[in-house]
Amino acid sequence: MQILPSALERIAASAQHAGLATPSPSMTVDPDAVTPGFVGFVAIALVAVVVVFLIIDMLRRIRRAGYRADVNEQLDAEAQAAQQAEAAERASDIDDQDIDPEQDGTGR
């Protein structure tokens, strides 16, 4: 890794001995000609407004999906509770005629 800095130092030293000047950046274009100007500002502003509206719409849709999931979950829980209640009612619906006195244990 020490080879690279020494090589650069040798190149810089040889450039100084040869009388070469180090180039400095200079402005070759008019800065007013390369700026986006008013049209660019309006375009970026419109893009920003559209992005804000898209974010608001996305948040609404996500919120609605969450509400729908909660409602569906609640409806499923109510349906399951109704099924369990119906099954429990069917299990407890035993007529006196269905009971065999011999197997009842009372012997009556």
Protein backbone atom coordinates (compact mmCIF):
# COMPACT_ATOMS: atom_id res chain seq x y z
CA MET A 1 0.00 0.00 0.00
CA GLN A 2 2.95 2.33 0.43
CA ILE A 3 3.82 2.02 -3.25
CA LEU A 4 0.87 4.13 -4.38
CA PRO A 5 1.59 7.28 -2.32
CA SER A 6 5.28 7.23 -3.25
CA ALA A 7 4.37 6.86 -6.93
CA LEU A 8 2.02 9.83 -6.68
CA GLU A 9 4.71 11.87 -4.97
CA ARG A 10 7.17 11.04 -7.75
CA ILE A 11 4.66 12.04 -10.44
CA ALA A 12 3.92 15.35 -8.68
CA ALA A 13 7.65 16.05 -8.26
CA SER A 14 8.37 15.32 -11.92
CA ALA A 15 5.48 17.60 -12.98
CA GLN A 16 6.93 20.44 -10.89
CA HIS A 17 10.39 19.95 -12.41
CA ALA A 18 8.95 19.98 -15.90
CA GLY A 19 7.23 23.31 -15.22
CA LEU A 20 3.70 21.97 -15.62
CA ALA A 21 1.04 23.82 -13.72
CA THR A 22 -1.61 22.00 -11.76
CA PRO A 23 -4.94 22.49 -13.53
CA SER A 24 -7.64 24.23 -11.56
CA PRO A 25 -11.33 23.86 -12.38
CA SER A 26 -12.84 26.79 -14.18
CA MET A 27 -16.47 27.62 -14.89
CA THR A 28 -17.10 27.15 -18.61
CA VAL A 29 -20.93 27.26 -18.63
CA ASP A 30 -23.35 29.96 -17.59
CA PRO A 31 -24.89 28.89 -14.24
CA ASP A 32 -28.22 30.49 -15.20
CA ALA A 33 -28.43 28.35 -18.34
CA VAL A 34 -28.18 25.01 -16.49
CA THR A 35 -30.62 25.67 -13.64
CA PRO A 36 -34.09 24.16 -13.87
CA GLY A 37 -35.75 27.55 -13.48
CA PHE A 38 -39.44 28.11 -12.87
CA VAL A 39 -40.58 25.17 -15.01
CA GLY A 40 -38.42 22.77 -13.02
CA PHE A 41 -39.70 24.18 -9.74
CA VAL A 42 -43.33 23.75 -10.85
CA ALA A 43 -42.67 20.19 -12.04
CA ILE A 44 -41.07 19.19 -8.73
CA ALA A 45 -43.84 20.93 -6.76
CA LEU A 46 -46.49 19.00 -8.71
CA VAL A 47 -44.67 15.73 -8.09
CA ALA A 48 -44.53 16.54 -4.37
CA VAL A 49 -48.27 17.31 -4.25
CA VAL A 50 -49.10 14.07 -6.09
CA VAL A 51 -46.91 12.09 -3.69
CA VAL A 52 -48.66 13.64 -0.68
CA PHE A 53 -52.09 12.71 -2.11
CA LEU A 54 -50.91 9.18 -2.85
CA ILE A 55 -49.64 8.78 0.71
CA ILE A 56 -52.95 10.01 2.12
CA ASP A 57 -54.88 7.59 -0.12
CA MET A 58 -52.60 4.71 0.85
CA LEU A 59 -53.08 5.41 4.56
CA ARG A 60 -56.87 5.46 4.07
CA ARG A 61 -56.80 2.12 2.30
CA ILE A 62 -54.58 0.55 4.95
CA ARG A 63 -56.85 1.85 7.71
CA ARG A 64 -59.96 0.49 5.91
CA ALA A 65 -58.31 -2.91 5.47
CA GLY A 66 -57.54 -2.98 9.19
CA TYR A 67 -61.13 -2.12 10.08
CA ARG A 68 -62.44 -4.79 7.72
CA ALA A 69 -60.12 -7.37 9.25
CA ASP A 70 -61.34 -6.44 12.75
CA VAL A 71 -65.00 -6.68 11.69
CA ASN A 72 -64.43 -10.02 9.93
CA GLU A 73 -62.63 -11.34 13.00
CA GLN A 74 -65.49 -10.24 15.24
CA LEU A 75 -68.09 -11.82 12.91
CA ASP A 76 -66.12 -15.08 12.83
CA ALA A 77 -65.91 -15.09 16.64
CA GLU A 78 -69.67 -14.49 16.91
CA ALA A 79 -70.40 -17.29 14.41
CA GLN A 80 -68.13 -19.67 16.29
CA ALA A 81 -69.77 -18.76 19.59
CA ALA A 82 -73.20 -19.36 18.06
CA GLN A 83 -72.08 -22.76 16.77
CA GLN A 84 -70.70 -23.70 20.19
CA ALA A 85 -73.91 -22.58 21.88
CA GLU A 86 -75.98 -24.59 19.40
CA ALA A 87 -73.79 -27.66 19.92
CA ALA A 88 -74.08 -27.29 23.71
CA GLU A 89 -77.86 -26.92 23.43
CA ARG A 90 -78.08 -30.05 21.26
CA ALA A 91 -75.94 -31.95 23.75
CA SER A 92 -78.16 -30.91 26.66
CA ASP A 93 -81.45 -31.61 24.81
CA ILE A 94 -82.17 -35.04 26.21
CA ASP A 95 -85.76 -36.03 26.64
CA ASP A 96 -86.90 -38.23 29.47
CA GLN A 97 -87.81 -40.84 26.90
CA ASP A 98 -84.22 -41.01 25.72
CA ILE A 99 -82.95 -41.96 29.16
CA ASP A 100 -82.96 -45.66 29.93
CA PRO A 101 -83.75 -46.19 33.60
CA GLU A 102 -81.55 -49.23 33.66
CA GLN A 103 -78.51 -47.26 32.56
CA ASP A 104 -79.43 -44.13 34.50
CA GLY A 105 -78.10 -45.53 37.70
CA THR A 106 -81.15 -44.55 39.71
CA GLY A 107 -82.97 -47.77 38.91
CA ARG A 108 -86.37 -46.14 38.73
